[in-house]
C-alpha atoms as a PDB file:
ATOM      1  CA  MET A   1     -10.577  -7.442   9.088  1.00  0.00           C
ATOM      2  CA  SER A   2      -9.203 -10.478   7.270  1.00  0.00           C
ATOM      3  CA  ASP A   3      -8.836 -13.831   8.990  1.00  0.00           C
ATOM      4  CA  ASN A   4      -5.383 -14.124   7.427  1.00  0.00           C
ATOM      5  CA  VAL A   5      -3.838 -11.286   9.442  1.00  0.00           C
ATOM      6  CA  ILE A   6      -0.934 -12.572  11.479  1.00  0.00           C
ATOM      7  CA  PRO A   7      -1.067 -11.212  15.037  1.00  0.00           C
ATOM      8  CA  PHE A   8       2.217 -10.154  16.546  1.00  0.00           C
ATOM      9  CA  ARG A   9       2.953 -11.108  20.116  1.00  0.00           C
ATOM     10  CA  ARG A  10       3.355  -8.233  22.511  1.00  0.00           C
ATOM     11  CA  PRO A  11       6.145  -8.625  25.038  1.00  0.00           C
ATOM     12  CA  VAL A  12       5.087  -8.702  28.658  1.00  0.00           C
ATOM     13  CA  LEU A  13       7.417  -6.911  31.054  1.00  0.00           C
ATOM     14  CA  LYS A  14       7.491  -8.411  34.506  1.00  0.00           C
ATOM     15  CA  GLU A  15       8.595  -5.201  36.161  1.00  0.00           C
ATOM     16  CA  THR A  16       9.505  -1.716  35.099  1.00  0.00           C
ATOM     17  CA  PRO A  17      13.242  -1.760  34.427  1.00  0.00           C
ATOM     18  CA  ALA A  18      15.577   1.163  34.895  1.00  0.00           C
ATOM     19  CA  GLU A  19      15.818   3.668  32.020  1.00  0.00           C
ATOM     20  CA  PRO A  20      18.840   2.110  30.191  1.00  0.00           C
ATOM     21  CA  ASP A  21      17.292  -1.340  30.654  1.00  0.00           C
ATOM     22  CA  ARG A  22      14.022  -0.058  29.220  1.00  0.00           C
ATOM     23  CA  LEU A  23      15.850   1.094  26.105  1.00  0.00           C
ATOM     24  CA  LYS A  24      17.615  -2.266  25.774  1.00  0.00           C
ATOM     25  CA  GLN A  25      14.307  -4.052  26.274  1.00  0.00           C
ATOM     26  CA  ALA A  26      12.595  -1.832  23.708  1.00  0.00           C
ATOM     27  CA  LEU A  27      15.371  -2.477  21.187  1.00  0.00           C
ATOM     28  CA  ALA A  28      15.211  -6.214  21.856  1.00  0.00           C
ATOM     29  CA  ASN A  29      11.428  -6.125  21.370  1.00  0.00           C
ATOM     30  CA  LEU A  30      11.873  -4.174  18.147  1.00  0.00           C
ATOM     31  CA  GLU A  31      14.414  -6.700  16.861  1.00  0.00           C
ATOM     32  CA  ALA A  32      12.077  -9.558  17.739  1.00  0.00           C
ATOM     33  CA  ALA A  33       9.197  -7.839  15.944  1.00  0.00           C
ATOM     34  CA  LEU A  34      11.380  -7.221  12.891  1.00  0.00           C
ATOM     35  CA  ASP A  35      12.455 -10.876  12.856  1.00  0.00           C
ATOM     36  CA  GLU A  36       8.815 -11.959  12.957  1.00  0.00           C
ATOM     37  CA  GLN A  37       8.001  -9.495  10.208  1.00  0.00           C
ATOM     38  CA  ARG A  38      10.835 -10.849   8.042  1.00  0.00           C
ATOM     39  CA  VAL A  39       9.429 -14.356   8.424  1.00  0.00           C
ATOM     40  CA  ALA A  40       5.915 -13.113   7.625  1.00  0.00           C
ATOM     41  CA  VAL A  41       7.135 -11.294   4.507  1.00  0.00           C
ATOM     42  CA  ALA A  42       9.069 -14.374   3.382  1.00  0.00           C
ATOM     43  CA  ASP A  43       5.937 -16.507   3.854  1.00  0.00           C
ATOM     44  CA  TRP A  44       3.872 -13.917   1.962  1.00  0.00           C
ATOM     45  CA  ARG A  45       6.346 -13.931  -0.931  1.00  0.00           C
ATOM     46  CA  ALA A  46       6.263 -17.725  -1.024  1.00  0.00           C
ATOM     47  CA  ALA A  47       2.462 -17.633  -1.100  1.00  0.00           C
ATOM     48  CA  LEU A  48       2.575 -15.117  -3.956  1.00  0.00           C
ATOM     49  CA  GLY A  49       4.905 -17.458  -5.846  1.00  0.00           C
ATOM     50  CA  GLU A  50       2.464 -20.323  -5.367  1.00  0.00           C
ATOM     51  CA  LEU A  51      -0.403 -18.091  -6.501  1.00  0.00           C
ATOM     52  CA  LYS A  52       1.578 -17.125  -9.620  1.00  0.00           C
ATOM     53  CA  ASP A  53       2.154 -20.795 -10.443  1.00  0.00           C
ATOM     54  CA  SER A  54      -1.525 -21.602  -9.887  1.00  0.00           C
ATOM     55  CA  MET A  55      -2.609 -18.731 -12.114  1.00  0.00           C
ATOM     56  CA  GLU A  56      -0.226 -19.855 -14.862  1.00  0.00           C
ATOM     57  CA  ASN A  57      -1.611 -23.392 -14.648  1.00  0.00           C
ATOM     58  CA  LEU A  58      -5.142 -22.032 -14.738  1.00  0.00           C
ATOM     59  CA  GLY A  59      -4.280 -19.951 -17.799  1.00  0.00           C
ATOM     60  CA  SER A  60      -2.879 -23.006 -19.564  1.00  0.00           C
ATOM     61  CA  SER A  61      -5.952 -25.061 -18.679  1.00  0.00           C
ATOM     62  CA  LEU A  62      -8.283 -22.348 -19.929  1.00  0.00           C
ATOM     63  CA  GLN A  63      -6.341 -22.072 -23.182  1.00  0.00           C
ATOM     64  CA  THR A  64      -6.592 -25.846 -23.686  1.00  0.00           C
ATOM     65  CA  TYR A  65     -10.339 -25.662 -22.951  1.00  0.00           C
ATOM     66  CA  ARG A  66     -10.725 -22.769 -25.400  1.00  0.00           C
ATOM     67  CA  ASP A  67      -8.856 -24.720 -28.084  1.00  0.00           C
ATOM     68  CA  SER A  68     -11.095 -27.749 -27.470  1.00  0.00           C
ATOM     69  CA  LEU A  69     -14.189 -25.583 -27.812  1.00  0.00           C
ATOM     70  CA  GLY A  70     -12.828 -24.230 -31.092  1.00  0.00           C
ATOM     71  CA  VAL A  71     -12.372 -27.762 -32.443  1.00  0.00           C
ATOM     72  CA  LEU A  72     -15.857 -28.685 -31.234  1.00  0.00           C
ATOM     73  CA  ALA A  73     -17.338 -25.605 -32.927  1.00  0.00           C
ATOM     74  CA  THR A  74     -15.669 -26.600 -36.200  1.00  0.00           C
ATOM     75  CA  ASP A  75     -16.943 -30.169 -35.883  1.00  0.00           C
ATOM     76  CA  VAL A  76     -20.480 -28.977 -35.144  1.00  0.00           C
ATOM     77  CA  ALA A  77     -20.399 -26.584 -38.110  1.00  0.00           C
ATOM     78  CA  ASP A  78     -19.234 -29.419 -40.382  1.00  0.00           C
ATOM     79  CA  LEU A  79     -21.967 -31.725 -39.096  1.00  0.00           C
ATOM     80  CA  ASN A  80     -24.552 -28.973 -39.549  1.00  0.00           C
ATOM     81  CA  ALA A  81     -23.407 -28.420 -43.149  1.00  0.00           C
ATOM     82  CA  THR A  82     -23.615 -32.153 -43.810  1.00  0.00           C
ATOM     83  CA  ALA A  83     -27.108 -32.326 -42.294  1.00  0.00           C
ATOM     84  CA  LEU A  84     -28.269 -29.411 -44.441  1.00  0.00           C
ATOM     85  CA  GLN A  85     -26.874 -31.101 -47.558  1.00  0.00           C
ATOM     86  CA  MET A  86     -28.689 -34.306 -46.671  1.00  0.00           C
ATOM     87  CA  GLN A  87     -31.969 -32.405 -46.243  1.00  0.00           C
ATOM     88  CA  ASN A  88     -31.619 -30.884 -49.714  1.00  0.00           C
ATOM     89  CA  LEU A  89     -31.184 -34.265 -51.412  1.00  0.00           C
END
């Protein structure tokens, strides 16, 4: 199991309430769990947004690196051609 799983707190009942109180307590616990889940989903969405931004930045950096390698390859090919010409003199 992942270390990033968010554990949900389980409510501790101090005593067994009467039947209508049990239903109210169960509904209150459900609402609390849903509230926690809403917060967790909002945090997850925010993290996904940050990941998207990071991936876009990484893509831009890789494109810049690729362009630099292309320029370097052209420069090396030119230098190689010049060296070959100098050898043939």
